[in-house]
Protein backbone atom coordinates (compact mmCIF):
# COMPACT_ATOMS: atom_id res chain seq x y z
CA LEU A 1 96.63 108.49 101.62
CA GLY A 2 93.34 108.00 103.49
CA TRP A 3 92.76 104.79 101.47
CA ALA A 4 96.07 103.13 102.46
CA TRP A 5 94.79 102.05 105.84
CA TRP A 6 92.41 99.53 104.34
CA LEU A 7 94.52 98.56 101.41
CA THR A 8 97.32 97.57 103.71
CA PRO A 9 95.65 94.37 104.98
CA VAL A 10 93.84 93.73 101.69
CA ILE A 11 96.84 93.57 99.36
CA PRO A 12 98.85 90.93 101.27
CA ALA A 13 95.69 88.90 101.47
CA LEU A 14 95.23 89.00 97.71
CA TRP A 15 98.88 88.04 97.12
CA GLU A 16 98.38 85.11 99.45
CA ALA A 17 95.61 83.77 97.17
CA GLU A 18 97.16 84.75 93.88
CA ALA A 19 100.60 83.25 94.88
CA GLY A 20 98.95 79.81 94.79
CA GLY A 21 98.82 79.76 91.01
CA SER A 22 101.04 82.74 90.00
CA PRO A 23 104.78 82.40 90.65
CA GLU A 24 105.34 86.06 89.68
CA PHE A 25 103.20 87.11 92.72
CA THR A 26 105.39 85.07 95.03
CA SER A 27 108.46 87.07 93.95
CA LEU A 28 106.61 90.34 94.56
CA ARG A 29 105.68 89.40 98.13
CA PRO A 30 107.83 90.81 100.94
CA ALA A 31 109.65 88.45 103.19
């Protein structure tokens, strides 16, 4: 799990950008 520490901030950042044009990403985002 040594890779999780850098994926943690990266994944939400990607969702933030993708959610702008992809409603399905919005539903996957945590509250």
